[in-house]
Amino acid sequence: MSRFPQRRTVLLLSLAAMSAGALAQKVSKPAPAAPWPTRPVRIIVGFPGGSTPDLVARTIAEPLSRALGQPVIVENRVGAGGNIAGDVVAKATDNHTIGVMINGNMTIAKLLNPATPFDPLKDLAPISLIGTAPLLLTAPATAKFNTIQEFFLAGRNAGDKWSYGSPGVGTVGHIGMELLKTKTNINPVHVPYPGNPQVINAMIGGQIQLALLPPGLAAPMIRAGKLKAVGVTSTSRSSLVPEYPSLAEGGVRGFQLEIWTAAAAPASMPRPIIAKLSTLISEIARTPDVRQKLFQQGWQVAGTSSEGLANRIKADTALLGGVIAMRGIKAE
């Protein structure tokens, strides 16, 4: 029998093996990343035009548009304390929709109201913590105290004859005050209002005795002599309102509270896109021009990575969620 057929078989097998190897290399080689974005990017905001989250979104939109080479459009979807917008972002599947949100939308929304149509811890992906701010504990201008200690002594003596205002059940102003009550043994009664402007008017009118307010709203009223500052809720004085002491300076220990605003994406958005947005937005927030604009809006710039925001979400969910459980707070 001739050996040529055997040699031919060996040759064919060798060629087949080489072809299979080449094909395997071709298949295993990662495909080049698809270009992104391919169309305008939407930033969903859950509050009306001119609100703090809206101003933050519009401040970063223009530089983000330049960086991406596509229009960045801010869209206001108002309602349910920002949770309508949160639901829009959570359910977006176009890979071109993100949101600018506040603490509650990204932490305790589901804990406050089980009927909330999205779970921030499961349905949202953190992009970057943009800015933070302490709250300012504020009293009527007629309040008779000269130190933080004197204020809390008066509050303890008043018991439930004092009342405090907030912009609604489940807001940071509400939950934060309930936490402060446990740290200072005061016991004012909660009175919810439609918003902080109404809280301020009630305090000026003497209907309530205290409130936790954003510094940007409270400080002008204090400087005008219409309200009186007790202290800020950070561990030290805030660069936003350095003239006012921290509550820690007055002996209130273990109490730190901030409001914040951050960028988030749907959890379904591909990780490389989230990483790109995180890098760009954190860098944009820290540029001198944007930093100054955010400061004027009442924010201390953070500009964190997505991991940094994830850590903050975890910590705040534990803190605020603990108060919700301890006090039995439920959204109305």
Protein backbone atom coordinates (compact mmCIF):
# COMPACT_ATOMS: atom_id res chain seq x y z
CA MET A 1 0.00 0.00 0.00
CA SER A 2 1.29 3.46 -0.90
CA ARG A 3 2.28 5.84 1.90
CA PHE A 4 1.12 8.89 -0.04
CA PRO A 5 -2.51 8.75 1.17
CA GLN A 6 -1.24 8.62 4.76
CA ARG A 7 1.03 11.61 4.16
CA ARG A 8 -1.83 13.46 2.53
CA THR A 9 -4.06 12.71 5.53
CA VAL A 10 -1.41 13.98 7.94
CA LEU A 11 -0.97 17.12 5.83
CA LEU A 12 -4.72 17.77 5.76
CA LEU A 13 -4.99 17.26 9.51
CA SER A 14 -2.11 19.67 10.07
CA LEU A 15 -3.70 22.29 7.86
CA ALA A 16 -7.02 21.82 9.64
CA ALA A 17 -5.34 22.23 13.02
CA MET A 18 -3.60 25.39 11.86
CA SER A 19 -6.87 26.79 10.52
CA ALA A 20 -8.66 25.93 13.75
CA GLY A 21 -5.92 27.63 15.76
CA ALA A 22 -6.10 30.75 13.63
CA LEU A 23 -9.88 30.77 13.96
CA ALA A 24 -9.64 30.35 17.74
CA GLN A 25 -7.24 33.30 17.92
CA LYS A 26 -9.59 35.36 15.81
CA VAL A 27 -12.61 34.48 17.93
CA SER A 28 -10.84 35.06 21.27
CA LYS A 29 -9.50 38.47 20.24
CA PRO A 30 -11.72 41.09 21.91
CA ALA A 31 -13.79 43.21 19.58
CA PRO A 32 -12.99 46.92 19.55
CA ALA A 33 -15.20 48.95 21.88
CA ALA A 34 -18.20 50.53 20.19
CA PRO A 35 -18.12 54.33 20.09
CA TRP A 36 -20.09 56.09 22.83
CA PRO A 37 -22.06 58.27 22.97
CA THR A 38 -23.74 57.99 19.59
CA ARG A 39 -26.50 60.52 20.30
CA PRO A 40 -27.43 63.20 22.87
CA VAL A 41 -27.14 62.29 26.55
CA ARG A 42 -30.04 63.08 28.90
CA ILE A 43 -29.61 64.19 32.53
CA ILE A 44 -32.89 63.60 34.40
CA VAL A 45 -33.57 65.87 37.40
CA GLY A 46 -36.45 65.28 39.82
CA PHE A 47 -36.90 68.91 40.85
CA PRO A 48 -38.03 72.06 39.02
CA GLY A 49 -35.87 74.52 37.13
CA GLY A 50 -33.87 76.72 39.47
CA SER A 51 -33.77 74.11 42.23
CA THR A 52 -30.37 73.11 43.59
CA PRO A 53 -30.20 69.73 41.77
CA ASP A 54 -31.29 71.45 38.55
CA LEU A 55 -28.55 74.08 38.88
CA VAL A 56 -25.95 71.36 39.51
CA ALA A 57 -27.07 69.40 36.45
CA ARG A 58 -26.94 72.49 34.22
CA THR A 59 -23.53 73.46 35.59
CA ILE A 60 -21.98 70.15 34.53
CA ALA A 61 -24.00 69.70 31.32
CA GLU A 62 -22.05 72.12 29.12
CA PRO A 63 -18.53 70.91 29.96
CA LEU A 64 -19.73 67.30 29.79
CA SER A 65 -21.15 67.97 26.33
CA ARG A 66 -17.78 69.32 25.17
CA ALA A 67 -15.99 66.28 26.59
CA LEU A 68 -18.38 63.79 24.97
CA GLY A 69 -18.81 65.56 21.65
CA GLN A 70 -22.60 65.25 21.92
CA PRO A 71 -25.36 67.50 23.29
CA VAL A 72 -26.20 66.95 26.96
CA ILE A 73 -29.83 67.79 27.68
CA VAL A 74 -31.23 68.44 31.17
CA GLU A 75 -34.80 67.15 31.53
CA ASN A 76 -36.92 67.93 34.61
CA ARG A 77 -39.26 65.14 35.73
CA VAL A 78 -40.73 66.63 38.89
CA GLY A 79 -42.61 64.81 41.64
CA ALA A 80 -42.52 62.44 44.62
CA GLY A 81 -39.50 64.16 46.13
CA GLY A 82 -37.35 63.32 43.13
CA ASN A 83 -38.41 59.67 42.95
CA ILE A 84 -40.30 60.04 39.68
CA ALA A 85 -37.02 61.02 38.05
CA GLY A 86 -35.25 58.22 39.91
CA ASP A 87 -37.66 55.72 38.40
CA VAL A 88 -37.11 57.14 34.90
CA VAL A 89 -33.36 56.71 35.27
CA ALA A 90 -33.63 53.25 36.82
CA LYS A 91 -35.76 51.99 33.92
CA ALA A 92 -33.83 53.67 31.08
CA THR A 93 -32.37 51.18 28.58
CA ASP A 94 -30.89 53.49 25.93
CA ASN A 95 -27.45 53.77 27.60
CA HIS A 96 -27.68 57.54 27.13
CA THR A 97 -29.70 58.50 30.23
CA ILE A 98 -28.32 59.42 33.66
CA GLY A 99 -29.66 61.38 36.61
CA VAL A 100 -28.57 64.06 39.07
CA MET A 101 -30.15 63.14 42.42
CA ILE A 102 -30.14 63.93 46.13
CA ASN A 103 -29.49 61.71 49.18
CA GLY A 104 -32.97 60.31 49.59
CA ASN A 105 -33.38 59.22 45.98
CA MET A 106 -30.24 57.10 46.15
CA THR A 107 -30.47 55.72 49.70
CA ILE A 108 -33.70 55.49 51.68
CA ALA A 109 -36.46 55.86 49.05
CA LYS A 110 -37.56 52.23 49.32
CA LEU A 111 -37.15 52.14 53.10
CA LEU A 112 -39.49 55.11 53.52
CA ASN A 113 -42.10 53.82 51.11
CA PRO A 114 -42.13 50.16 49.97
CA ALA A 115 -44.37 51.21 47.08
CA THR A 116 -41.54 53.23 45.50
CA PRO A 117 -41.31 51.73 41.98
CA PHE A 118 -37.52 51.36 42.02
CA ASP A 119 -34.93 50.19 44.51
CA PRO A 120 -32.02 52.66 44.54
CA LEU A 121 -29.61 50.07 45.92
CA LYS A 122 -30.39 47.60 43.13
CA ASP A 123 -31.62 49.64 40.17
CA LEU A 124 -29.17 52.57 40.18
CA ALA A 125 -25.42 52.55 39.55
CA PRO A 126 -23.32 55.26 41.26
CA ILE A 127 -21.31 57.55 38.97
CA SER A 128 -19.91 60.36 41.14
CA LEU A 129 -20.67 62.26 44.34
CA ILE A 130 -20.67 65.84 43.06
CA GLY A 131 -21.17 68.05 46.11
CA THR A 132 -21.99 67.95 49.81
CA ALA A 133 -23.20 70.45 52.39
CA PRO A 134 -23.94 70.35 56.11
CA LEU A 135 -27.27 71.60 57.38
CA LEU A 136 -27.57 74.66 59.62
CA LEU A 137 -29.61 74.33 62.79
CA THR A 138 -31.59 77.54 62.91
CA ALA A 139 -33.91 79.28 65.40
CA PRO A 140 -36.11 82.39 65.35
CA ALA A 141 -34.25 85.67 65.71
CA THR A 142 -36.10 86.27 69.00
CA ALA A 143 -34.72 83.08 70.60
CA LYS A 144 -32.88 83.91 73.83
CA PHE A 145 -29.59 82.00 73.85
CA ASN A 146 -25.97 82.94 73.36
CA THR A 147 -24.34 79.51 73.11
CA ILE A 148 -25.18 76.11 71.68
CA GLN A 149 -25.33 74.69 75.21
CA GLU A 150 -27.88 77.32 76.26
CA PHE A 151 -30.04 76.52 73.25
CA PHE A 152 -30.22 72.80 73.98
CA LEU A 153 -30.81 73.43 77.68
CA ALA A 154 -33.82 75.57 76.75
CA GLY A 155 -34.99 72.82 74.37
CA ARG A 156 -34.78 70.14 77.06
CA ASN A 157 -36.71 72.31 79.48
CA ALA A 158 -39.38 72.99 76.82
CA GLY A 159 -40.04 69.30 76.12
CA ASP A 160 -42.80 68.86 73.54
CA LYS A 161 -43.85 72.51 73.79
CA TRP A 162 -41.30 73.24 71.08
CA SER A 163 -41.86 72.24 67.48
CA TYR A 164 -39.60 71.99 64.45
CA GLY A 165 -40.29 72.29 60.75
CA SER A 166 -39.11 70.32 57.74
CA PRO A 167 -39.96 70.23 54.02
CA GLY A 168 -41.84 66.96 54.51
CA VAL A 169 -41.88 63.51 56.09
CA GLY A 170 -38.78 61.49 55.22
CA THR A 171 -36.67 64.46 54.13
CA VAL A 172 -33.16 64.84 55.51
CA GLY A 173 -34.39 67.82 57.53
CA HIS A 174 -36.94 65.53 59.20
CA ILE A 175 -34.82 62.43 59.70
CA GLY A 176 -31.82 64.51 60.76
CA MET A 177 -33.81 66.27 63.47
CA GLU A 178 -35.12 62.96 64.79
CA LEU A 179 -31.50 61.80 65.01
CA LEU A 180 -30.50 65.05 66.75
CA LYS A 181 -33.25 64.49 69.31
CA THR A 182 -31.64 61.20 70.34
CA LYS A 183 -28.24 62.90 70.74
CA THR A 184 -29.38 65.91 72.77
CA ASN A 185 -32.49 64.76 74.71
CA ILE A 186 -34.69 67.47 73.25
CA ASN A 187 -38.21 66.53 72.17
CA PRO A 188 -39.75 69.05 69.74
CA VAL A 189 -42.80 67.98 67.72
CA HIS A 190 -42.46 67.63 63.96
CA VAL A 191 -44.47 69.96 61.72
CA PRO A 192 -44.10 69.20 57.98
CA TYR A 193 -44.37 71.98 55.39
CA PRO A 194 -44.50 71.93 51.57
CA GLY A 195 -40.94 73.26 51.35
CA ASN A 196 -38.12 75.06 53.14
CA PRO A 197 -39.39 78.57 52.24
CA GLN A 198 -42.54 77.80 54.23
CA VAL A 199 -40.40 76.45 57.10
CA ILE A 200 -38.46 79.71 57.16
CA ASN A 201 -41.65 81.80 57.16
CA ALA A 202 -43.06 79.73 60.04
CA MET A 203 -39.87 80.23 62.04
CA ILE A 204 -39.85 83.99 61.39
CA GLY A 205 -43.48 84.08 62.48
CA GLY A 206 -42.75 82.17 65.69
CA GLN A 207 -44.89 79.12 64.86
CA ILE A 208 -41.89 76.78 65.20
CA GLN A 209 -38.73 77.00 67.27
CA LEU A 210 -36.07 75.29 65.17
CA ALA A 211 -35.24 73.64 61.84
CA LEU A 212 -32.34 72.10 59.94
CA LEU A 213 -31.88 74.14 56.76
CA PRO A 214 -29.46 74.24 53.83
CA PRO A 215 -26.86 76.96 54.51
CA GLY A 216 -27.59 78.66 51.21
CA LEU A 217 -31.17 79.33 52.35
CA ALA A 218 -30.58 79.99 56.04
CA ALA A 219 -27.46 82.16 55.97
CA PRO A 220 -28.98 85.16 54.12
CA MET A 221 -31.89 85.20 56.59
CA ILE A 222 -29.51 85.03 59.55
CA ARG A 223 -27.33 87.83 58.18
CA ALA A 224 -30.47 89.93 57.66
CA GLY A 225 -31.40 89.45 61.32
CA LYS A 226 -34.55 87.42 60.56
CA LEU A 227 -33.25 84.11 61.94
CA LYS A 228 -30.58 83.01 64.40
CA ALA A 229 -27.89 80.36 63.87
CA VAL A 230 -27.32 77.58 66.38
CA GLY A 231 -24.65 75.59 64.53
CA VAL A 232 -23.80 73.49 61.49
CA THR A 233 -24.14 69.71 61.41
CA SER A 234 -20.55 68.98 60.37
CA THR A 235 -17.76 67.91 62.71
CA SER A 236 -16.00 71.24 62.17
CA ARG A 237 -16.87 74.61 60.70
CA SER A 238 -17.97 74.58 57.09
CA SER A 239 -16.27 76.63 54.39
CA LEU A 240 -19.77 77.46 53.12
CA VAL A 241 -20.64 79.36 56.32
CA PRO A 242 -17.38 79.64 58.30
CA GLU A 243 -18.78 82.28 60.64
CA TYR A 244 -21.05 79.75 62.38
CA PRO A 245 -19.79 77.10 64.83
CA SER A 246 -20.33 73.38 64.40
CA LEU A 247 -22.66 71.61 66.82
CA ALA A 248 -19.65 69.50 67.81
CA GLU A 249 -17.98 72.68 69.10
CA GLY A 250 -20.96 73.08 71.40
CA GLY A 251 -20.64 69.58 72.80
CA VAL A 252 -23.01 67.60 70.54
CA ARG A 253 -21.06 64.39 69.97
CA GLY A 254 -21.57 61.66 67.41
CA PHE A 255 -23.75 63.76 65.15
CA GLN A 256 -22.79 64.55 61.58
CA LEU A 257 -25.28 65.11 58.80
CA GLU A 258 -24.94 66.32 55.22
CA ILE A 259 -27.11 66.74 52.21
CA TRP A 260 -25.54 65.83 48.88
CA THR A 261 -26.10 65.65 45.17
CA ALA A 262 -24.71 62.97 42.87
CA ALA A 263 -24.82 61.49 39.39
CA ALA A 264 -26.29 58.03 38.87
CA ALA A 265 -26.99 55.70 35.97
CA PRO A 266 -29.31 52.75 35.40
CA ALA A 267 -27.80 49.59 36.85
CA SER A 268 -28.10 48.07 33.36
CA MET A 269 -25.69 50.58 31.80
CA PRO A 270 -22.44 48.89 30.67
CA ARG A 271 -19.57 49.27 33.15
CA PRO A 272 -17.17 50.92 30.65
CA ILE A 273 -19.68 53.71 30.02
CA ILE A 274 -20.20 54.27 33.74
CA ALA A 275 -16.43 54.35 34.26
CA LYS A 276 -16.04 56.94 31.49
CA LEU A 277 -18.82 59.13 32.92
CA SER A 278 -17.40 58.82 36.42
CA THR A 279 -13.98 60.00 35.30
CA LEU A 280 -15.36 62.91 33.27
CA ILE A 281 -17.91 64.17 35.81
CA SER A 282 -15.50 63.95 38.75
CA GLU A 283 -12.86 65.85 36.76
CA ILE A 284 -15.37 68.48 35.61
CA ALA A 285 -16.63 69.07 39.16
CA ARG A 286 -13.09 69.76 40.37
CA THR A 287 -12.18 72.29 37.66
CA PRO A 288 -11.79 75.82 39.12
CA ASP A 289 -14.67 77.32 37.15
CA VAL A 290 -17.20 74.60 37.98
CA ARG A 291 -15.98 74.35 41.57
CA GLN A 292 -16.65 78.07 42.05
CA LYS A 293 -20.13 77.82 40.52
CA LEU A 294 -21.04 74.87 42.73
CA PHE A 295 -19.71 76.68 45.80
CA GLN A 296 -21.91 79.67 45.00
CA GLN A 297 -24.86 77.26 44.79
CA GLY A 298 -24.07 76.03 48.30
CA TRP A 299 -21.97 72.92 47.65
CA GLN A 300 -18.57 71.77 48.81
CA VAL A 301 -17.21 69.91 45.78
CA ALA A 302 -16.51 66.21 46.22
CA GLY A 303 -16.02 64.89 42.68
CA THR A 304 -15.55 61.28 43.75
CA SER A 305 -15.18 58.05 41.82
CA SER A 306 -18.15 55.69 41.49
CA GLU A 307 -16.63 53.65 44.33
CA GLY A 308 -16.48 56.74 46.52
CA LEU A 309 -20.17 57.41 45.93
CA ALA A 310 -21.02 53.75 46.55
CA ASN A 311 -19.32 53.96 49.94
CA ARG A 312 -21.23 57.12 50.79
CA ILE A 313 -24.54 55.51 49.77
CA LYS A 314 -23.80 52.53 52.00
CA ALA A 315 -22.93 54.71 55.00
CA ASP A 316 -25.91 57.05 54.63
CA THR A 317 -28.36 54.21 54.06
CA ALA A 318 -27.22 52.65 57.31
CA LEU A 319 -27.36 55.96 59.22
CA LEU A 320 -30.68 57.27 57.91
CA GLY A 321 -32.23 53.83 57.65
CA GLY A 322 -31.44 53.25 61.31
CA VAL A 323 -33.29 56.42 62.27
CA ILE A 324 -36.26 55.46 60.08
CA ALA A 325 -36.50 52.07 61.79
CA MET A 326 -35.95 53.45 65.30
CA ARG A 327 -38.51 56.23 64.91
CA GLY A 328 -40.98 54.29 62.73
CA ILE A 329 -40.93 56.96 60.01
CA LYS A 330 -43.07 56.31 56.93
CA ALA A 331 -43.54 58.50 53.88
CA GLU A 332 -47.00 60.01 53.54
